Amino acid sequence: MSVFDLSVGESGIIKASSLTGSVAARLNSLGIVSGKKFTVLAFSLFRSSVLIGCGTVRLGIRKLLAKKIEVDKC
């Protein structure tokens, strides 16, 4: 299951991600790492991106990136 498979209001715990390079470094610097709990806050029009909240961080992620982050649903 990926971040994109969750519905608005649902929470999950990040298991792993297949992201590399600057994208992975950016998420790590924001605290979006394995073992962290997050909540899906909203989807954009036509579901092209997703807004997640992880602690005090609110982050918009494109659909392709969200599908590469594996999660366990809470």
N, C-alpha and C. Protein backbone atom coordinates (compact mmCIF):
# COMPACT_ATOMS: atom_id res chain seq x y z
N MET A 1 0.86 -1.17 0.00
CA MET A 1 0.00 0.00 0.00
C MET A 1 0.91 1.24 0.00
N SER A 2 0.49 2.24 -0.75
CA SER A 2 1.27 3.48 -0.82
C SER A 2 0.50 4.64 -0.18
N VAL A 3 1.17 5.76 -0.04
CA VAL A 3 0.54 6.96 0.51
C VAL A 3 -0.69 7.32 -0.32
N PHE A 4 -0.59 7.18 -1.62
CA PHE A 4 -1.66 7.57 -2.51
C PHE A 4 -2.90 6.69 -2.39
N ASP A 5 -2.76 5.49 -1.85
CA ASP A 5 -3.89 4.57 -1.71
C ASP A 5 -4.78 4.88 -0.51
N LEU A 6 -4.32 5.73 0.40
CA LEU A 6 -5.11 6.10 1.57
C LEU A 6 -6.14 7.16 1.21
N SER A 7 -7.16 7.28 2.02
CA SER A 7 -8.20 8.30 1.83
C SER A 7 -7.93 9.49 2.75
N VAL A 8 -8.61 10.59 2.48
CA VAL A 8 -8.47 11.78 3.30
C VAL A 8 -8.88 11.46 4.74
N GLY A 9 -8.04 11.85 5.69
CA GLY A 9 -8.32 11.60 7.10
C GLY A 9 -7.68 10.33 7.64
N GLU A 10 -7.24 9.44 6.77
CA GLU A 10 -6.61 8.20 7.22
C GLU A 10 -5.14 8.43 7.55
N SER A 11 -4.65 7.62 8.48
CA SER A 11 -3.26 7.73 8.90
C SER A 11 -2.51 6.47 8.52
N GLY A 12 -1.20 6.59 8.47
CA GLY A 12 -0.36 5.46 8.17
C GLY A 12 1.02 5.64 8.76
N ILE A 13 1.79 4.57 8.75
CA ILE A 13 3.18 4.60 9.20
C ILE A 13 4.05 4.24 8.01
N ILE A 14 5.06 5.04 7.77
CA ILE A 14 5.93 4.83 6.62
C ILE A 14 6.79 3.60 6.85
N LYS A 15 6.74 2.64 5.91
CA LYS A 15 7.56 1.43 5.98
C LYS A 15 8.88 1.65 5.26
N ALA A 16 8.79 2.06 4.00
CA ALA A 16 9.98 2.23 3.17
C ALA A 16 9.64 3.11 1.98
N SER A 17 10.66 3.58 1.30
CA SER A 17 10.42 4.33 0.08
C SER A 17 11.47 3.96 -0.95
N SER A 18 11.08 4.01 -2.20
CA SER A 18 12.02 3.71 -3.28
C SER A 18 12.52 4.99 -3.92
N LEU A 19 12.51 6.08 -3.16
CA LEU A 19 12.98 7.36 -3.64
C LEU A 19 14.49 7.48 -3.42
N THR A 20 15.16 8.15 -4.34
CA THR A 20 16.60 8.33 -4.22
C THR A 20 16.96 9.78 -4.53
N GLY A 21 18.19 10.11 -4.29
CA GLY A 21 18.71 11.42 -4.66
C GLY A 21 18.18 12.56 -3.82
N SER A 22 17.98 13.69 -4.48
CA SER A 22 17.58 14.91 -3.78
C SER A 22 16.18 14.81 -3.18
N VAL A 23 15.30 14.04 -3.81
CA VAL A 23 13.94 13.88 -3.28
C VAL A 23 13.99 13.17 -1.93
N ALA A 24 14.75 12.10 -1.85
CA ALA A 24 14.89 11.36 -0.60
C ALA A 24 15.55 12.23 0.47
N ALA A 25 16.55 13.00 0.10
CA ALA A 25 17.22 13.88 1.05
C ALA A 25 16.27 14.96 1.57
N ARG A 26 15.45 15.50 0.70
CA ARG A 26 14.49 16.54 1.09
C ARG A 26 13.47 15.99 2.08
N LEU A 27 12.92 14.80 1.80
CA LEU A 27 11.96 14.19 2.71
C LEU A 27 12.60 13.87 4.05
N ASN A 28 13.83 13.37 4.04
CA ASN A 28 14.53 13.08 5.28
C ASN A 28 14.75 14.35 6.10
N SER A 29 15.09 15.44 5.45
CA SER A 29 15.32 16.69 6.17
C SER A 29 14.04 17.24 6.79
N LEU A 30 12.89 16.89 6.21
CA LEU A 30 11.60 17.32 6.75
C LEU A 30 11.04 16.35 7.78
N GLY A 31 11.74 15.24 8.01
CA GLY A 31 11.29 14.28 9.00
C GLY A 31 10.35 13.22 8.47
N ILE A 32 10.21 13.12 7.16
CA ILE A 32 9.37 12.09 6.53
C ILE A 32 10.26 10.87 6.32
N VAL A 33 10.38 10.03 7.35
CA VAL A 33 11.29 8.88 7.32
C VAL A 33 10.55 7.62 7.77
N SER A 34 11.18 6.48 7.59
CA SER A 34 10.59 5.20 8.01
C SER A 34 10.25 5.22 9.48
N GLY A 35 9.08 4.67 9.80
CA GLY A 35 8.63 4.59 11.18
C GLY A 35 7.81 5.78 11.65
N LYS A 36 7.72 6.84 10.85
CA LYS A 36 6.95 8.03 11.23
C LYS A 36 5.49 7.87 10.86
N LYS A 37 4.61 8.39 11.70
CA LYS A 37 3.18 8.37 11.44
C LYS A 37 2.80 9.67 10.73
N PHE A 38 1.90 9.57 9.77
CA PHE A 38 1.43 10.74 9.03
C PHE A 38 -0.06 10.61 8.78
N THR A 39 -0.67 11.69 8.35
CA THR A 39 -2.10 11.71 8.03
C THR A 39 -2.29 12.34 6.66
N VAL A 40 -3.17 11.77 5.85
CA VAL A 40 -3.52 12.36 4.57
C VAL A 40 -4.52 13.47 4.84
N LEU A 41 -4.17 14.69 4.47
CA LEU A 41 -5.01 15.86 4.74
C LEU A 41 -5.93 16.21 3.58
N ALA A 42 -5.45 16.08 2.34
CA ALA A 42 -6.27 16.45 1.18
C ALA A 42 -5.62 15.95 -0.10
N PHE A 43 -6.44 15.88 -1.13
CA PHE A 43 -5.97 15.61 -2.49
C PHE A 43 -6.25 16.83 -3.34
N SER A 44 -5.42 17.05 -4.35
CA SER A 44 -5.66 18.16 -5.26
C SER A 44 -6.76 17.79 -6.25
N LEU A 45 -7.17 18.77 -7.01
CA LEU A 45 -8.16 18.55 -8.05
C LEU A 45 -7.63 17.49 -9.02
N PHE A 46 -8.43 16.54 -9.38
CA PHE A 46 -8.08 15.43 -10.27
C PHE A 46 -7.06 14.47 -9.64
N ARG A 47 -6.86 14.57 -8.32
CA ARG A 47 -5.96 13.68 -7.58
C ARG A 47 -4.56 13.60 -8.18
N SER A 48 -4.00 14.73 -8.56
CA SER A 48 -2.65 14.75 -9.13
C SER A 48 -1.58 14.89 -8.06
N SER A 49 -1.97 15.26 -6.83
CA SER A 49 -1.04 15.35 -5.72
C SER A 49 -1.80 15.15 -4.42
N VAL A 50 -1.03 14.94 -3.35
CA VAL A 50 -1.62 14.67 -2.04
C VAL A 50 -0.93 15.54 -0.99
N LEU A 51 -1.70 16.06 -0.05
CA LEU A 51 -1.17 16.86 1.05
C LEU A 51 -1.15 15.96 2.28
N ILE A 52 0.04 15.81 2.89
CA ILE A 52 0.16 14.99 4.09
C ILE A 52 0.66 15.84 5.25
N GLY A 53 0.34 15.39 6.44
CA GLY A 53 0.84 16.03 7.65
C GLY A 53 1.61 15.02 8.46
N CYS A 54 2.82 15.38 8.84
CA CYS A 54 3.69 14.49 9.63
C CYS A 54 4.30 15.34 10.73
N GLY A 55 3.76 15.22 11.94
CA GLY A 55 4.20 16.09 13.03
C GLY A 55 3.73 17.50 12.76
N THR A 56 4.65 18.45 12.74
CA THR A 56 4.29 19.85 12.45
C THR A 56 4.48 20.20 10.99
N VAL A 57 4.92 19.26 10.19
CA VAL A 57 5.20 19.49 8.77
C VAL A 57 3.97 19.17 7.93
N ARG A 58 3.63 20.06 7.02
CA ARG A 58 2.58 19.83 6.03
C ARG A 58 3.27 19.85 4.67
N LEU A 59 3.07 18.81 3.87
CA LEU A 59 3.83 18.67 2.64
C LEU A 59 2.96 18.17 1.51
N GLY A 60 3.05 18.82 0.36
CA GLY A 60 2.37 18.37 -0.85
C GLY A 60 3.31 17.49 -1.65
N ILE A 61 2.83 16.32 -2.04
CA ILE A 61 3.64 15.36 -2.79
C ILE A 61 2.93 15.00 -4.08
N ARG A 62 3.66 14.98 -5.16
CA ARG A 62 3.09 14.57 -6.45
C ARG A 62 2.69 13.10 -6.42
N LYS A 63 1.75 12.77 -7.28
CA LYS A 63 1.19 11.41 -7.34
C LYS A 63 2.29 10.36 -7.55
N LEU A 64 3.22 10.61 -8.47
CA LEU A 64 4.26 9.63 -8.77
C LEU A 64 5.16 9.37 -7.56
N LEU A 65 5.46 10.41 -6.79
CA LEU A 65 6.28 10.23 -5.59
C LEU A 65 5.50 9.54 -4.48
N ALA A 66 4.24 9.91 -4.33
CA ALA A 66 3.40 9.32 -3.28
C ALA A 66 3.23 7.82 -3.50
N LYS A 67 3.21 7.38 -4.73
CA LYS A 67 3.06 5.95 -5.01
C LYS A 67 4.32 5.16 -4.71
N LYS A 68 5.45 5.84 -4.52
CA LYS A 68 6.72 5.16 -4.24
C LYS A 68 7.01 5.06 -2.74
N ILE A 69 6.12 5.60 -1.90
CA ILE A 69 6.31 5.53 -0.46
C ILE A 69 5.38 4.47 0.10
N GLU A 70 5.94 3.37 0.59
CA GLU A 70 5.15 2.26 1.13
C GLU A 70 4.76 2.55 2.58
N VAL A 71 3.51 2.24 2.91
CA VAL A 71 3.00 2.53 4.25
C VAL A 71 2.16 1.36 4.79
N ASP A 72 2.01 1.36 6.11
CA ASP A 72 1.06 0.48 6.79
C ASP A 72 -0.05 1.37 7.27
N LYS A 73 -1.29 1.01 7.00
CA LYS A 73 -2.44 1.79 7.44
C LYS A 73 -2.66 1.64 8.94
N CYS A 74 -2.95 2.74 9.61
CA CYS A 74 -3.21 2.72 11.06
C CYS A 74 -4.69 2.63 11.31
